[in-house]
Amino acid sequence: MSTTFQLDTATSRAHPTPAPMKRLSVPAIRQRKVDGHTAQPIVMLTAYTARQAQLLDAHCDLLLVGDSLGQVIYGLPSSVPVTLDMMAAHGAAVVRGSYHAVVIVDMPFGSYEASPQQAFEAAARLLKDTGCAGVKLEGGAAMAETVAFLTARGIPVMGHVGLTPQAVNVLGGYGARGRSQAEADKILADARALADAGAFAIVAEGVVEPLAIAITQAVPCPVIGIGGSAQCDGQVLVTEDMLGLFERVPRFVKRYAEVATTIEEAAARYAQDVRERAFPGVEQTYQPK
């Protein structure tokens, strides 16, 4: 269902006044899956800024402030160098720019692996500093104790199995996971462990389609695929990939626009106008009365 935002001219363009609406909740997302089936697939996209959140919010059930911002926003080689300060700043911006979707913030590498107590301190900070509804962390059975610790203390957790980008140095790359039976069995066991620990949803990234379907059927919470299967309970993509802002994208990305081309063409026209002294014109300058 589409929602129309009513813009109050008294507010800045960064903070439009929305039409009255109630934000979705974590329990509402969890309850979308009934008896192992989700009638309406869950829509999730990444968002890193307030304006991006405003444009995506009405169309999404979940907005993920992903640590992919390391590559997308900061030009880092991977998500490993991303800090808690980065996630808090961008998470707060996305919450300010949204009114409908559930906002989930990634916990960056090094902020939760040492112990459940460390994870709680970092997650509590993210919830306090951003106003987000929950956090996402990577890892399977090894993180089950941490997931249970957080959920028992009021912090909703989304799990993440399969291709886990924070572990790229151990995995040796970004290739698909679950091709061997042993690896598929482990990933399935990881998903079950996270669900049993209380994860309200699980992202299954970069796994072969039969495994994505098996995970979806095996756990009671929604499974959100990225490079998985249309049979998952929902889907997520990095918004910039979906919009065509980068030349190279993963195999599983479908481009719904070619925004990079639009930006380059607009910049070229602007540069030409400036160099030809065609901009600014009368319409863009202030004249004496």
Protein backbone atom coordinates (compact mmCIF):
# COMPACT_ATOMS: atom_id res chain seq x y z
CA MET A 1 0.00 0.00 0.00
CA SER A 2 1.42 3.38 -1.01
CA THR A 3 1.49 6.24 1.48
CA THR A 4 1.43 9.91 0.48
CA PHE A 5 3.50 12.33 2.54
CA GLN A 6 2.05 15.80 3.00
CA LEU A 7 4.81 18.42 2.86
CA ASP A 8 4.41 21.37 5.21
CA THR A 9 6.04 24.45 3.70
CA ALA A 10 7.07 25.53 7.18
CA THR A 11 9.41 22.56 7.52
CA SER A 12 12.76 22.09 5.85
CA ARG A 13 13.05 19.80 2.84
CA ALA A 14 15.02 17.38 5.05
CA HIS A 15 12.14 17.02 7.51
CA PRO A 16 8.77 16.90 5.72
CA THR A 17 5.68 16.48 7.84
CA PRO A 18 4.14 13.10 6.99
CA ALA A 19 0.50 12.25 6.87
CA PRO A 20 -0.53 10.57 10.14
CA MET A 21 0.66 6.99 10.11
CA LYS A 22 1.78 4.26 12.46
CA ARG A 23 5.22 2.76 12.06
CA LEU A 24 5.42 -1.00 11.61
CA SER A 25 6.86 -2.98 14.51
CA VAL A 26 9.22 -5.91 14.94
CA PRO A 27 6.37 -8.17 16.18
CA ALA A 28 4.34 -7.24 13.10
CA ILE A 29 7.22 -8.35 10.87
CA ARG A 30 7.66 -11.56 12.83
CA GLN A 31 3.95 -12.32 12.64
CA ARG A 32 3.91 -12.05 8.85
CA LYS A 33 5.04 -15.67 8.81
CA VAL A 34 2.26 -17.97 9.93
CA ASP A 35 2.56 -21.76 9.96
CA GLY A 36 5.75 -21.56 7.95
CA HIS A 37 4.26 -19.34 5.24
CA THR A 38 4.36 -15.61 4.51
CA ALA A 39 1.36 -14.57 2.44
CA GLN A 40 2.81 -11.18 1.49
CA PRO A 41 6.59 -11.12 0.97
CA ILE A 42 8.54 -8.69 3.13
CA VAL A 43 10.24 -5.80 1.32
CA MET A 44 13.56 -4.54 2.64
CA LEU A 45 16.13 -2.13 1.18
CA THR A 46 19.21 -0.47 2.59
CA ALA A 47 19.21 3.21 3.52
CA TYR A 48 22.02 5.40 4.79
CA THR A 49 20.66 8.97 4.75
CA ALA A 50 17.52 10.80 5.81
CA ARG A 51 16.57 11.74 2.25
CA GLN A 52 17.09 8.21 0.98
CA ALA A 53 14.88 6.94 3.80
CA GLN A 54 12.14 9.40 2.86
CA LEU A 55 12.09 8.14 -0.72
CA LEU A 56 12.07 4.45 0.20
CA ASP A 57 9.99 4.44 3.37
CA ALA A 58 6.47 4.17 1.95
CA HIS A 59 7.45 1.20 -0.20
CA CYS A 60 9.35 -0.88 2.37
CA ASP A 61 8.50 -2.94 5.43
CA LEU A 62 12.09 -2.76 6.66
CA LEU A 63 14.91 -0.30 6.10
CA LEU A 64 18.36 -1.72 6.83
CA VAL A 65 21.16 0.63 7.76
CA GLY A 66 23.73 -1.84 6.50
CA ASP A 67 27.43 -1.84 7.20
CA SER A 68 27.66 -1.96 3.41
CA LEU A 69 27.79 1.82 3.85
CA GLY A 70 31.52 1.23 4.27
CA GLN A 71 31.84 0.51 0.56
CA VAL A 72 28.84 2.48 -0.71
CA ILE A 73 29.33 5.74 1.21
CA TYR A 74 32.94 5.73 2.37
CA GLY A 75 34.68 3.87 -0.45
CA LEU A 76 36.22 1.28 1.88
CA PRO A 77 37.38 -2.07 0.48
CA SER A 78 35.02 -4.04 2.74
CA SER A 79 32.66 -3.60 5.68
CA VAL A 80 35.34 -4.65 8.19
CA PRO A 81 36.64 -1.10 8.93
CA VAL A 82 33.15 0.28 9.65
CA THR A 83 32.80 1.70 13.16
CA LEU A 84 30.01 1.93 15.70
CA ASP A 85 30.12 5.72 15.36
CA MET A 86 29.42 5.43 11.61
CA MET A 87 26.48 3.10 12.18
CA ALA A 88 25.02 5.32 14.90
CA ALA A 89 25.24 8.48 12.79
CA HIS A 90 23.66 6.95 9.69
CA GLY A 91 21.10 5.00 11.71
CA ALA A 92 19.87 8.19 13.37
CA ALA A 93 19.56 9.88 9.97
CA VAL A 94 17.48 7.02 8.56
CA VAL A 95 15.17 6.98 11.57
CA ARG A 96 14.64 10.74 11.22
CA GLY A 97 13.78 10.31 7.56
CA SER A 98 11.30 7.45 7.97
CA TYR A 99 7.85 7.08 9.48
CA HIS A 100 6.57 3.74 8.29
CA ALA A 101 9.25 1.07 7.94
CA VAL A 102 10.98 -0.81 10.74
CA VAL A 103 14.57 0.46 10.89
CA ILE A 104 17.27 -2.10 11.65
CA VAL A 105 20.94 -1.16 12.11
CA ASP A 106 23.87 -3.47 11.41
CA MET A 107 26.28 -4.10 14.25
CA PRO A 108 29.76 -3.52 12.80
CA PHE A 109 32.63 -5.97 12.95
CA GLY A 110 34.30 -6.05 16.35
CA SER A 111 31.36 -4.62 18.27
CA TYR A 112 29.65 -7.85 19.35
CA GLU A 113 31.78 -10.96 18.81
CA ALA A 114 33.79 -10.93 22.05
CA SER A 115 30.91 -11.60 24.44
CA PRO A 116 27.17 -11.18 24.92
CA GLN A 117 27.94 -8.35 27.32
CA GLN A 118 29.97 -6.49 24.69
CA ALA A 119 27.17 -7.02 22.19
CA PHE A 120 24.59 -5.66 24.62
CA GLU A 121 26.57 -2.48 25.27
CA ALA A 122 26.99 -1.83 21.54
CA ALA A 123 23.40 -2.70 20.66
CA ALA A 124 21.99 -0.63 23.50
CA ARG A 125 24.00 2.33 22.27
CA LEU A 126 22.63 1.92 18.75
CA LEU A 127 19.04 1.79 20.00
CA LYS A 128 19.55 4.83 22.24
CA ASP A 129 21.48 6.93 19.74
CA THR A 130 19.37 6.18 16.68
CA GLY A 131 15.87 5.24 17.79
CA CYS A 132 16.03 2.13 15.60
CA ALA A 133 13.82 -0.89 16.30
CA GLY A 134 16.55 -3.53 16.39
CA VAL A 135 19.97 -4.66 15.26
CA LYS A 136 21.38 -7.19 12.82
CA LEU A 137 24.45 -9.30 13.44
CA GLU A 138 26.28 -11.89 11.38
CA GLY A 139 27.09 -15.46 12.35
CA GLY A 140 25.27 -18.68 13.09
CA ALA A 141 25.33 -21.08 16.00
CA ALA A 142 28.37 -19.33 17.48
CA MET A 143 26.23 -16.21 17.98
CA ALA A 144 23.13 -17.96 19.32
CA GLU A 145 24.04 -17.25 22.95
CA THR A 146 24.48 -13.58 22.11
CA VAL A 147 21.15 -13.43 20.26
CA ALA A 148 19.38 -14.98 23.25
CA PHE A 149 21.16 -12.59 25.63
CA LEU A 150 20.08 -9.53 23.63
CA THR A 151 16.49 -10.57 23.04
CA ALA A 152 16.04 -11.43 26.71
CA ARG A 153 17.08 -7.86 27.48
CA GLY A 154 14.70 -6.14 25.10
CA ILE A 155 16.82 -5.83 21.97
CA PRO A 156 15.27 -7.36 18.82
CA VAL A 157 17.85 -9.16 16.70
CA MET A 158 17.90 -10.04 13.00
CA GLY A 159 20.32 -12.83 12.14
CA HIS A 160 22.47 -13.22 9.04
CA VAL A 161 23.75 -16.52 7.61
CA GLY A 162 25.36 -17.79 4.44
CA LEU A 163 27.68 -15.26 2.85
CA THR A 164 28.61 -13.05 5.79
CA PRO A 165 30.63 -10.08 4.47
CA GLN A 166 32.28 -9.30 7.81
CA ALA A 167 33.93 -12.74 7.62
CA VAL A 168 35.24 -12.22 4.08
CA ASN A 169 38.83 -12.71 5.25
CA VAL A 170 37.96 -16.17 6.59
CA LEU A 171 35.64 -17.10 3.72
CA GLY A 172 38.19 -16.03 1.13
CA GLY A 173 35.79 -14.07 -1.05
CA TYR A 174 32.19 -13.28 -1.86
CA GLY A 175 31.26 -16.47 -3.71
CA ALA A 176 28.00 -18.34 -3.24
CA ARG A 177 27.70 -20.56 -0.16
CA GLY A 178 26.16 -23.96 0.38
CA ARG A 179 27.40 -25.66 -2.76
CA SER A 180 28.75 -28.63 -0.81
CA GLN A 181 26.45 -30.73 1.33
CA ALA A 182 28.59 -30.18 4.41
CA GLU A 183 28.50 -26.40 4.03
CA ALA A 184 24.76 -26.41 3.31
CA ASP A 185 24.12 -28.52 6.43
CA LYS A 186 26.13 -26.11 8.57
CA ILE A 187 24.35 -23.02 7.25
CA LEU A 188 20.96 -24.65 7.81
CA ALA A 189 21.99 -25.55 11.37
CA ASP A 190 23.16 -21.96 11.89
CA ALA A 191 19.76 -20.61 10.82
CA ARG A 192 17.94 -22.99 13.15
CA ALA A 193 20.19 -22.01 16.05
CA LEU A 194 19.50 -18.30 15.49
CA ALA A 195 15.75 -18.88 15.26
CA ASP A 196 15.79 -20.98 18.43
CA ALA A 197 17.74 -18.20 20.18
CA GLY A 198 14.99 -15.68 19.40
CA ALA A 199 15.99 -13.92 16.18
CA PHE A 200 12.86 -12.24 14.79
CA ALA A 201 14.10 -12.65 11.20
CA ILE A 202 17.12 -14.00 9.35
CA VAL A 203 18.91 -12.73 6.26
CA ALA A 204 20.14 -15.57 4.02
CA GLU A 205 22.78 -14.10 1.71
CA GLY A 206 24.45 -15.61 -1.30
CA VAL A 207 23.32 -19.19 -0.77
CA VAL A 208 22.33 -21.64 -3.49
CA GLU A 209 18.61 -21.62 -4.14
CA PRO A 210 17.76 -25.09 -2.75
CA LEU A 211 19.41 -24.11 0.52
CA ALA A 212 17.57 -20.77 0.65
CA ILE A 213 14.29 -22.64 0.26
CA ALA A 214 15.28 -25.22 2.87
CA ILE A 215 16.15 -22.50 5.40
CA THR A 216 12.86 -20.72 4.72
CA GLN A 217 10.93 -23.92 5.33
CA ALA A 218 12.95 -24.94 8.39
CA VAL A 219 12.66 -21.89 10.65
CA PRO A 220 9.54 -20.23 12.08
CA CYS A 221 10.78 -16.66 11.66
CA PRO A 222 10.83 -14.81 8.32
CA VAL A 223 13.82 -15.49 6.08
CA ILE A 224 14.85 -12.54 3.90
CA GLY A 225 16.86 -13.50 0.87
CA ILE A 226 19.60 -11.67 -0.95
CA GLY A 227 20.89 -13.88 -3.69
CA GLY A 228 18.70 -16.71 -2.41
CA SER A 229 15.29 -17.51 -3.84
CA ALA A 230 11.97 -15.86 -4.63
CA GLN A 231 10.52 -18.48 -2.27
CA CYS A 232 12.09 -16.74 0.73
CA ASP A 233 9.74 -14.79 2.99
CA GLY A 234 11.14 -11.49 1.74
CA GLN A 235 13.95 -9.86 -0.20
CA VAL A 236 16.62 -7.24 0.42
CA LEU A 237 19.03 -5.44 -1.88
CA VAL A 238 21.57 -2.67 -1.46
CA THR A 239 19.61 0.29 -2.83
CA GLU A 240 22.55 1.73 -4.74
CA ASP A 241 22.99 -1.59 -6.56
CA MET A 242 19.30 -1.75 -7.40
CA LEU A 243 19.40 1.83 -8.72
CA GLY A 244 22.38 1.20 -10.97
CA LEU A 245 24.80 3.55 -9.23
CA PHE A 246 27.73 1.18 -9.63
CA GLU A 247 29.15 -0.42 -12.76
CA ARG A 248 29.81 -3.79 -11.14
CA VAL A 249 27.18 -5.49 -9.01
CA PRO A 250 26.67 -9.06 -7.76
CA ARG A 251 24.95 -11.60 -9.98
CA PHE A 252 21.84 -11.57 -7.80
CA VAL A 253 21.15 -7.85 -8.27
CA LYS A 254 18.44 -6.69 -10.65
CA ARG A 255 18.89 -3.09 -11.80
CA TYR A 256 15.62 -1.17 -11.65
CA ALA A 257 17.18 2.07 -12.88
CA GLU A 258 20.42 3.51 -14.26
CA VAL A 259 20.84 6.44 -11.91
CA ALA A 260 24.60 6.70 -12.46
CA THR A 261 23.99 7.60 -16.10
CA THR A 262 21.40 10.22 -15.12
CA ILE A 263 23.81 11.82 -12.64
CA GLU A 264 26.69 11.88 -15.10
CA GLU A 265 24.54 13.41 -17.84
CA ALA A 266 23.20 16.07 -15.49
CA ALA A 267 26.72 16.92 -14.29
CA ALA A 268 27.91 17.19 -17.90
CA ARG A 269 25.07 19.57 -18.82
CA TYR A 270 25.75 21.67 -15.74
CA ALA A 271 29.48 21.84 -16.51
CA GLN A 272 28.77 22.91 -20.08
CA ASP A 273 26.36 25.65 -18.96
CA VAL A 274 28.90 27.00 -16.46
CA ARG A 275 31.73 27.03 -18.98
CA GLU A 276 29.53 28.75 -21.55
CA ARG A 277 28.27 31.26 -18.95
CA ALA A 278 24.75 30.06 -19.59
CA PHE A 279 24.23 29.38 -15.88
CA PRO A 280 23.08 31.09 -13.78
CA GLY A 281 20.50 32.85 -15.91
CA VAL A 282 17.94 35.51 -15.10
CA GLU A 283 15.71 32.91 -13.47
CA GLN A 284 18.45 31.91 -11.02
CA THR A 285 19.77 35.35 -10.05
CA TYR A 286 18.44 38.17 -7.88
CA GLN A 287 17.75 41.47 -9.68
CA PRO A 288 17.41 44.93 -8.13
CA LYS A 289 13.86 46.18 -7.70
